[in-house]
Amino acid sequence: MPDTTRKAVRQKLIQTVVLEKIEREHLSVDTAQVRNSLRKIRGHVQGKTMLDCVARWEQLIQSDDLDLIRSVVLAPDEIGAEMRNLSPLTSLLTEQ
């Protein structure tokens, strides 16, 4: 059983909440707000794995396919964890 950190649990919970909000409110993922968030994330990452995740996020955002995004973001593997860590979707959350 993999060692689950508080940060990993928190990231998964946040992604679950944002995905539920997107579905409930029929929001598009392909928005200027999400793209701007991803652009900021890209400016802070280094290394092939991280840059590959950012490129994957670009594809997911363009697809605007919530089921595909959910399957990638909530994947229990290391890539899923990295995708959650670099998720631009949290920009859709508000204080409420």
C-alpha atoms as a PDB file:
ATOM      1  CA  MET A   1       0.000   0.000   0.000  1.00  0.00           C
ATOM      2  CA  PRO A   2       1.548   3.328  -1.026  1.00  0.00           C
ATOM      3  CA  ASP A   3       2.464   5.871   1.614  1.00  0.00           C
ATOM      4  CA  THR A   4      -0.185   8.596   1.397  1.00  0.00           C
ATOM      5  CA  THR A   5       0.831  12.024   2.633  1.00  0.00           C
ATOM      6  CA  ARG A   6      -1.517  14.715   3.858  1.00  0.00           C
ATOM      7  CA  LYS A   7      -0.616  16.803   0.838  1.00  0.00           C
ATOM      8  CA  ALA A   8      -1.533  13.973  -1.547  1.00  0.00           C
ATOM      9  CA  VAL A   9      -4.861  13.413   0.187  1.00  0.00           C
ATOM     10  CA  ARG A  10      -5.585  17.144   0.159  1.00  0.00           C
ATOM     11  CA  GLN A  11      -4.765  17.434  -3.548  1.00  0.00           C
ATOM     12  CA  LYS A  12      -7.046  14.529  -4.397  1.00  0.00           C
ATOM     13  CA  LEU A  13      -9.876  16.004  -2.341  1.00  0.00           C
ATOM     14  CA  ILE A  14      -9.461  19.420  -3.955  1.00  0.00           C
ATOM     15  CA  GLN A  15      -9.514  17.904  -7.437  1.00  0.00           C
ATOM     16  CA  THR A  16     -12.623  15.903  -6.558  1.00  0.00           C
ATOM     17  CA  VAL A  17     -14.367  19.075  -5.360  1.00  0.00           C
ATOM     18  CA  VAL A  18     -13.415  21.082  -8.433  1.00  0.00           C
ATOM     19  CA  LEU A  19     -14.508  18.267 -10.774  1.00  0.00           C
ATOM     20  CA  GLU A  20     -17.856  18.085  -8.971  1.00  0.00           C
ATOM     21  CA  LYS A  21     -18.257  21.861  -9.339  1.00  0.00           C
ATOM     22  CA  ILE A  22     -17.451  21.710 -13.057  1.00  0.00           C
ATOM     23  CA  GLU A  23     -20.027  18.977 -13.541  1.00  0.00           C
ATOM     24  CA  ARG A  24     -22.700  20.505 -11.295  1.00  0.00           C
ATOM     25  CA  GLU A  25     -22.423  23.983 -12.833  1.00  0.00           C
ATOM     26  CA  HIS A  26     -21.827  22.730 -16.393  1.00  0.00           C
ATOM     27  CA  LEU A  27     -18.583  24.698 -16.595  1.00  0.00           C
ATOM     28  CA  SER A  28     -16.134  24.505 -19.450  1.00  0.00           C
ATOM     29  CA  VAL A  29     -12.585  23.563 -18.593  1.00  0.00           C
ATOM     30  CA  ASP A  30     -11.247  25.316 -21.687  1.00  0.00           C
ATOM     31  CA  THR A  31     -11.380  28.859 -20.334  1.00  0.00           C
ATOM     32  CA  ALA A  32      -8.968  31.768 -20.293  1.00  0.00           C
ATOM     33  CA  GLN A  33      -8.819  31.455 -16.499  1.00  0.00           C
ATOM     34  CA  VAL A  34      -7.666  27.824 -16.635  1.00  0.00           C
ATOM     35  CA  ARG A  35      -5.251  28.472 -19.536  1.00  0.00           C
ATOM     36  CA  ASN A  36      -3.716  31.425 -17.646  1.00  0.00           C
ATOM     37  CA  SER A  37      -3.296  29.250 -14.572  1.00  0.00           C
ATOM     38  CA  LEU A  38      -1.547  26.589 -16.661  1.00  0.00           C
ATOM     39  CA  ARG A  39       0.710  29.242 -18.207  1.00  0.00           C
ATOM     40  CA  LYS A  40       1.805  30.293 -14.687  1.00  0.00           C
ATOM     41  CA  ILE A  41       2.388  26.666 -13.708  1.00  0.00           C
ATOM     42  CA  ARG A  42       4.508  26.127 -16.832  1.00  0.00           C
ATOM     43  CA  GLY A  43       6.715  29.036 -15.775  1.00  0.00           C
ATOM     44  CA  HIS A  44       7.531  27.316 -12.483  1.00  0.00           C
ATOM     45  CA  VAL A  45       8.275  23.735 -13.524  1.00  0.00           C
ATOM     46  CA  GLN A  46      11.406  22.057 -14.786  1.00  0.00           C
ATOM     47  CA  GLY A  47      12.303  18.608 -15.934  1.00  0.00           C
ATOM     48  CA  LYS A  48      10.884  16.312 -18.541  1.00  0.00           C
ATOM     49  CA  THR A  49       8.254  14.664 -16.339  1.00  0.00           C
ATOM     50  CA  MET A  50       6.816  17.964 -15.170  1.00  0.00           C
ATOM     51  CA  LEU A  51       6.879  19.500 -18.633  1.00  0.00           C
ATOM     52  CA  ASP A  52       5.183  16.370 -20.013  1.00  0.00           C
ATOM     53  CA  CYS A  53       2.436  16.799 -17.414  1.00  0.00           C
ATOM     54  CA  VAL A  54       1.948  20.433 -18.419  1.00  0.00           C
ATOM     55  CA  ALA A  55       1.701  19.361 -22.078  1.00  0.00           C
ATOM     56  CA  ARG A  56      -0.834  16.709 -21.073  1.00  0.00           C
ATOM     57  CA  TRP A  57      -2.821  19.361 -19.224  1.00  0.00           C
ATOM     58  CA  GLU A  58      -2.870  21.470 -22.379  1.00  0.00           C
ATOM     59  CA  GLN A  59      -4.366  18.541 -24.285  1.00  0.00           C
ATOM     60  CA  LEU A  60      -6.909  17.819 -21.569  1.00  0.00           C
ATOM     61  CA  ILE A  61      -8.003  21.436 -21.398  1.00  0.00           C
ATOM     62  CA  GLN A  62      -8.443  21.597 -25.166  1.00  0.00           C
ATOM     63  CA  SER A  63     -10.449  18.365 -25.126  1.00  0.00           C
ATOM     64  CA  ASP A  64     -12.861  19.803 -22.524  1.00  0.00           C
ATOM     65  CA  ASP A  65     -13.748  16.148 -21.842  1.00  0.00           C
ATOM     66  CA  LEU A  66     -14.637  15.956 -18.158  1.00  0.00           C
ATOM     67  CA  ASP A  67     -14.701  12.154 -18.039  1.00  0.00           C
ATOM     68  CA  LEU A  68     -11.207  11.964 -19.534  1.00  0.00           C
ATOM     69  CA  ILE A  69      -9.935  14.681 -17.206  1.00  0.00           C
ATOM     70  CA  ARG A  70     -11.435  12.898 -14.202  1.00  0.00           C
ATOM     71  CA  SER A  71      -9.808   9.588 -15.147  1.00  0.00           C
ATOM     72  CA  VAL A  72      -6.385  11.217 -15.484  1.00  0.00           C
ATOM     73  CA  VAL A  73      -6.581  13.495 -12.447  1.00  0.00           C
ATOM     74  CA  LEU A  74      -7.908  10.857 -10.070  1.00  0.00           C
ATOM     75  CA  ALA A  75      -5.623   8.065 -11.275  1.00  0.00           C
ATOM     76  CA  PRO A  76      -4.020   6.358  -8.268  1.00  0.00           C
ATOM     77  CA  ASP A  77      -0.575   6.195  -9.864  1.00  0.00           C
ATOM     78  CA  GLU A  78       2.424   8.524  -9.803  1.00  0.00           C
ATOM     79  CA  ILE A  79       1.385  10.336 -12.984  1.00  0.00           C
ATOM     80  CA  GLY A  80      -2.048  10.978 -11.483  1.00  0.00           C
ATOM     81  CA  ALA A  81      -0.344  12.466  -8.435  1.00  0.00           C
ATOM     82  CA  GLU A  82       1.805  14.741 -10.607  1.00  0.00           C
ATOM     83  CA  MET A  83      -1.221  15.798 -12.650  1.00  0.00           C
ATOM     84  CA  ARG A  84      -3.071  16.694  -9.438  1.00  0.00           C
ATOM     85  CA  ASN A  85      -0.015  18.569  -8.207  1.00  0.00           C
ATOM     86  CA  LEU A  86       0.100  20.656 -11.396  1.00  0.00           C
ATOM     87  CA  SER A  87      -3.645  21.058 -11.890  1.00  0.00           C
ATOM     88  CA  PRO A  88      -4.810  24.423 -13.226  1.00  0.00           C
ATOM     89  CA  LEU A  89      -8.411  23.509 -12.403  1.00  0.00           C
ATOM     90  CA  THR A  90      -8.223  24.912  -8.888  1.00  0.00           C
ATOM     91  CA  SER A  91      -8.460  28.367 -10.475  1.00  0.00           C
ATOM     92  CA  LEU A  92     -12.165  27.555 -10.930  1.00  0.00           C
ATOM     93  CA  LEU A  93     -12.703  27.323  -7.182  1.00  0.00           C
ATOM     94  CA  THR A  94     -13.853  30.326  -5.206  1.00  0.00           C
ATOM     95  CA  GLU A  95     -13.983  31.076  -1.487  1.00  0.00           C
ATOM     96  CA  GLN A  96     -17.554  29.793  -1.417  1.00  0.00           C
END
